[in-house]
Amino acid sequence: MCFRGDRVAVGMAVGLALLPARLHALEERFEDLSASVEVAGVFGVDVSQAFLTFQSVSPGQTVILGEGHFYNQVTCRSNYGRPWHLKAELVSLKHTAADRTLPPAALKWRLVDSTGVGQSPGAAGAFQPFSADPVLIYTGAGEDLRGRAVGLQFQYSLDAPPSTLAGTYVGQIIFTMTETP
């Protein structure tokens, strides 16, 4: 124990002997440097496979796109740290040659998989109907809010009513990502 105490005392004596030289160096130091960094904001949504094509649907039949896997992926990304929502709406499924439409609820979506930690409303794994009004698809949370890309994989289902007129129907699905303050 005495030996360690002697070493500490010697170390202190050496440190005191160098003290005047260090004071001189501190008098010549540079002023503190202030730094700032601006991180670019990232906010966006991207849809892979942007065309839904249901081939040869018979009246009264249900057809699923992406069965056994998924049909397309919607990727959302935001680094603003605030909750965000993905919504979708169906802009009419109109017949191309006649004045007829399919009801929006005839087309449905199902979230098959997600790389995010947020949540999707409705029964897990069940098809949810589209609407002419925006429908909540997913709410980002946790790491989803910190700039990580969130991949949402979808299947789609079309229920052709028994009274469906033969022909081609065209519509548009609009995905909208919004952030809450």
Protein backbone atom coordinates (compact mmCIF):
# COMPACT_ATOMS: atom_id res chain seq x y z
CA MET A 1 0.00 0.00 0.00
CA CYS A 2 2.79 2.43 0.77
CA PHE A 3 4.32 1.78 -2.59
CA ARG A 4 1.20 2.95 -4.43
CA GLY A 5 0.95 6.03 -2.29
CA ASP A 6 4.56 6.86 -3.11
CA ARG A 7 3.86 6.53 -6.83
CA VAL A 8 0.91 8.87 -6.61
CA ALA A 9 3.00 11.41 -4.76
CA VAL A 10 5.75 11.17 -7.37
CA GLY A 11 3.19 11.55 -10.16
CA MET A 12 1.80 14.64 -8.52
CA ALA A 13 5.24 16.10 -8.11
CA VAL A 14 5.96 15.59 -11.81
CA GLY A 15 2.60 17.07 -12.77
CA LEU A 16 3.28 20.15 -10.68
CA ALA A 17 6.66 20.55 -12.26
CA LEU A 18 5.04 20.69 -15.75
CA LEU A 19 2.23 23.04 -14.76
CA PRO A 20 3.89 26.32 -15.81
CA ALA A 21 4.57 24.99 -19.34
CA ARG A 22 0.89 24.05 -19.77
CA LEU A 23 -0.33 27.48 -18.70
CA HIS A 24 1.65 29.02 -21.52
CA ALA A 25 -0.06 26.70 -24.09
CA LEU A 26 -3.54 27.57 -22.76
CA GLU A 27 -2.88 31.27 -23.34
CA GLU A 28 -2.40 30.56 -27.06
CA ARG A 29 -5.49 28.40 -27.66
CA PHE A 30 -8.06 29.13 -30.32
CA GLU A 31 -11.53 30.39 -29.52
CA ASP A 32 -14.26 27.77 -29.25
CA LEU A 33 -15.62 26.73 -32.62
CA SER A 34 -19.38 26.75 -33.05
CA ALA A 35 -20.82 24.15 -35.45
CA SER A 36 -24.25 23.74 -36.98
CA VAL A 37 -25.66 21.05 -39.23
CA GLU A 38 -28.91 21.09 -41.15
CA VAL A 39 -30.37 17.69 -41.99
CA ALA A 40 -32.60 17.65 -45.06
CA GLY A 41 -36.20 16.68 -44.51
CA VAL A 42 -37.44 13.50 -46.17
CA PHE A 43 -41.15 12.99 -46.70
CA GLY A 44 -42.70 10.93 -49.45
CA VAL A 45 -44.63 7.96 -50.73
CA ASP A 46 -43.81 5.69 -53.68
CA VAL A 47 -45.89 2.94 -55.28
CA SER A 48 -44.35 0.00 -57.10
CA GLN A 49 -46.44 -1.65 -59.80
CA ALA A 50 -48.84 1.25 -60.19
CA PHE A 51 -51.39 -0.57 -62.39
CA LEU A 52 -53.99 -3.03 -61.10
CA THR A 53 -55.17 -5.26 -63.92
CA PHE A 54 -57.90 -7.79 -63.22
CA GLN A 55 -58.14 -10.08 -66.25
CA SER A 56 -61.40 -11.76 -67.26
CA VAL A 57 -63.57 -11.26 -64.21
CA SER A 58 -67.00 -12.92 -64.45
CA PRO A 59 -70.07 -11.35 -62.82
CA GLY A 60 -70.47 -12.68 -59.27
CA GLN A 61 -66.79 -13.73 -59.14
CA THR A 62 -64.06 -12.58 -56.74
CA VAL A 63 -60.52 -12.22 -58.07
CA ILE A 64 -57.42 -11.58 -55.94
CA LEU A 65 -54.24 -9.91 -57.21
CA GLY A 66 -51.08 -11.06 -55.45
CA GLU A 67 -52.61 -14.22 -54.00
CA GLY A 68 -50.05 -16.27 -52.05
CA HIS A 69 -47.58 -13.35 -51.94
CA PHE A 70 -48.25 -9.65 -52.55
CA TYR A 71 -49.11 -7.59 -55.62
CA ASN A 72 -47.36 -4.30 -55.00
CA GLN A 73 -45.59 -2.27 -52.35
CA VAL A 74 -46.20 1.25 -51.12
CA THR A 75 -43.08 2.74 -49.52
CA CYS A 76 -43.41 5.66 -47.09
CA ARG A 77 -40.60 7.65 -45.53
CA SER A 78 -40.43 10.63 -43.17
CA ASN A 79 -37.72 11.93 -40.85
CA TYR A 80 -39.68 14.77 -39.23
CA GLY A 81 -40.32 12.78 -36.05
CA ARG A 82 -44.08 13.33 -36.14
CA PRO A 83 -46.80 10.70 -36.62
CA TRP A 84 -47.86 10.22 -40.22
CA HIS A 85 -50.79 8.46 -41.88
CA LEU A 86 -51.23 6.70 -45.21
CA LYS A 87 -54.72 6.94 -46.67
CA ALA A 88 -56.20 5.72 -49.95
CA GLU A 89 -59.31 6.52 -51.93
CA LEU A 90 -60.82 5.04 -55.06
CA VAL A 91 -61.77 7.49 -57.77
CA SER A 92 -64.64 5.68 -59.50
CA LEU A 93 -64.44 2.45 -61.49
CA LYS A 94 -66.19 3.67 -64.66
CA HIS A 95 -67.15 1.59 -67.65
CA THR A 96 -65.21 2.84 -70.69
CA ALA A 97 -68.14 2.55 -73.16
CA ALA A 98 -71.30 2.87 -71.07
CA ASP A 99 -72.57 5.08 -68.29
CA ARG A 100 -71.98 2.46 -65.58
CA THR A 101 -69.69 2.23 -62.55
CA LEU A 102 -68.72 -0.43 -60.05
CA PRO A 103 -69.25 0.49 -56.40
CA PRO A 104 -66.01 1.52 -54.62
CA ALA A 105 -66.50 -1.27 -52.05
CA ALA A 106 -66.19 -3.83 -54.88
CA LEU A 107 -62.43 -3.20 -54.79
CA LYS A 108 -60.68 -4.11 -51.54
CA TRP A 109 -57.15 -3.99 -50.14
CA ARG A 110 -55.28 -6.15 -47.65
CA LEU A 111 -51.97 -5.31 -45.99
CA VAL A 112 -49.98 -8.55 -46.27
CA ASP A 113 -46.71 -7.41 -44.68
CA SER A 114 -45.02 -4.30 -43.35
CA THR A 115 -41.44 -3.37 -42.49
CA GLY A 116 -42.73 -0.68 -40.11
CA VAL A 117 -43.70 -0.71 -36.46
CA GLY A 118 -46.91 1.30 -36.89
CA GLN A 119 -50.37 -0.14 -37.24
CA SER A 120 -53.10 -0.73 -39.76
CA PRO A 121 -56.78 -0.50 -38.76
CA GLY A 122 -59.30 -3.25 -39.17
CA ALA A 123 -59.08 -6.99 -38.70
CA ALA A 124 -55.58 -8.36 -39.28
CA GLY A 125 -55.34 -10.13 -42.62
CA ALA A 126 -58.89 -9.23 -43.73
CA PHE A 127 -59.68 -7.40 -46.95
CA GLN A 128 -60.87 -3.82 -46.35
CA PRO A 129 -63.07 -1.98 -48.87
CA PHE A 130 -61.92 1.13 -50.69
CA SER A 131 -64.17 4.16 -50.58
CA ALA A 132 -64.71 7.34 -52.58
CA ASP A 133 -63.48 9.10 -49.41
CA PRO A 134 -59.95 8.63 -48.03
CA VAL A 135 -59.63 5.47 -45.92
CA LEU A 136 -56.91 5.08 -43.29
CA ILE A 137 -54.44 2.38 -44.36
CA TYR A 138 -51.50 2.75 -41.94
CA THR A 139 -50.27 4.98 -39.11
CA GLY A 140 -46.50 5.34 -38.69
CA ALA A 141 -44.97 5.14 -35.20
CA GLY A 142 -41.62 4.72 -33.42
CA GLU A 143 -38.76 4.13 -35.87
CA ASP A 144 -41.14 4.84 -38.79
CA LEU A 145 -40.85 8.54 -37.84
CA ARG A 146 -37.05 8.69 -38.00
CA GLY A 147 -36.41 8.43 -41.74
CA ARG A 148 -36.49 4.67 -42.19
CA ALA A 149 -38.34 3.53 -45.32
CA VAL A 150 -41.51 1.64 -44.43
CA GLY A 151 -42.57 -0.92 -47.04
CA LEU A 152 -46.25 -1.86 -47.04
CA GLN A 153 -47.10 -4.90 -49.20
CA PHE A 154 -50.62 -5.25 -50.55
CA GLN A 155 -53.03 -7.69 -52.15
CA TYR A 156 -56.19 -6.50 -53.88
CA SER A 157 -59.56 -8.14 -54.29
CA LEU A 158 -62.33 -7.36 -56.77
CA ASP A 159 -65.89 -8.60 -56.19
CA ALA A 160 -67.77 -8.18 -59.47
CA PRO A 161 -71.47 -7.84 -58.62
CA PRO A 162 -73.73 -10.33 -60.45
CA SER A 163 -75.33 -7.45 -62.42
CA THR A 164 -71.97 -6.14 -63.75
CA LEU A 165 -72.14 -5.04 -67.38
CA ALA A 166 -69.51 -6.65 -69.61
CA GLY A 167 -66.64 -4.39 -70.65
CA THR A 168 -63.62 -2.56 -69.26
CA TYR A 169 -63.79 -0.45 -66.12
CA VAL A 170 -61.14 2.16 -65.33
CA GLY A 171 -60.50 3.99 -62.09
CA GLN A 172 -57.75 5.44 -59.98
CA ILE A 173 -56.53 4.74 -56.46
CA ILE A 174 -54.92 7.74 -54.78
CA PHE A 175 -52.52 7.09 -51.88
CA THR A 176 -51.94 10.13 -49.67
CA MET A 177 -49.37 10.40 -46.91
CA THR A 178 -50.03 13.13 -44.35
CA GLU A 179 -48.23 14.15 -41.21
CA THR A 180 -49.81 15.42 -38.01
CA PRO A 181 -48.35 18.47 -36.24
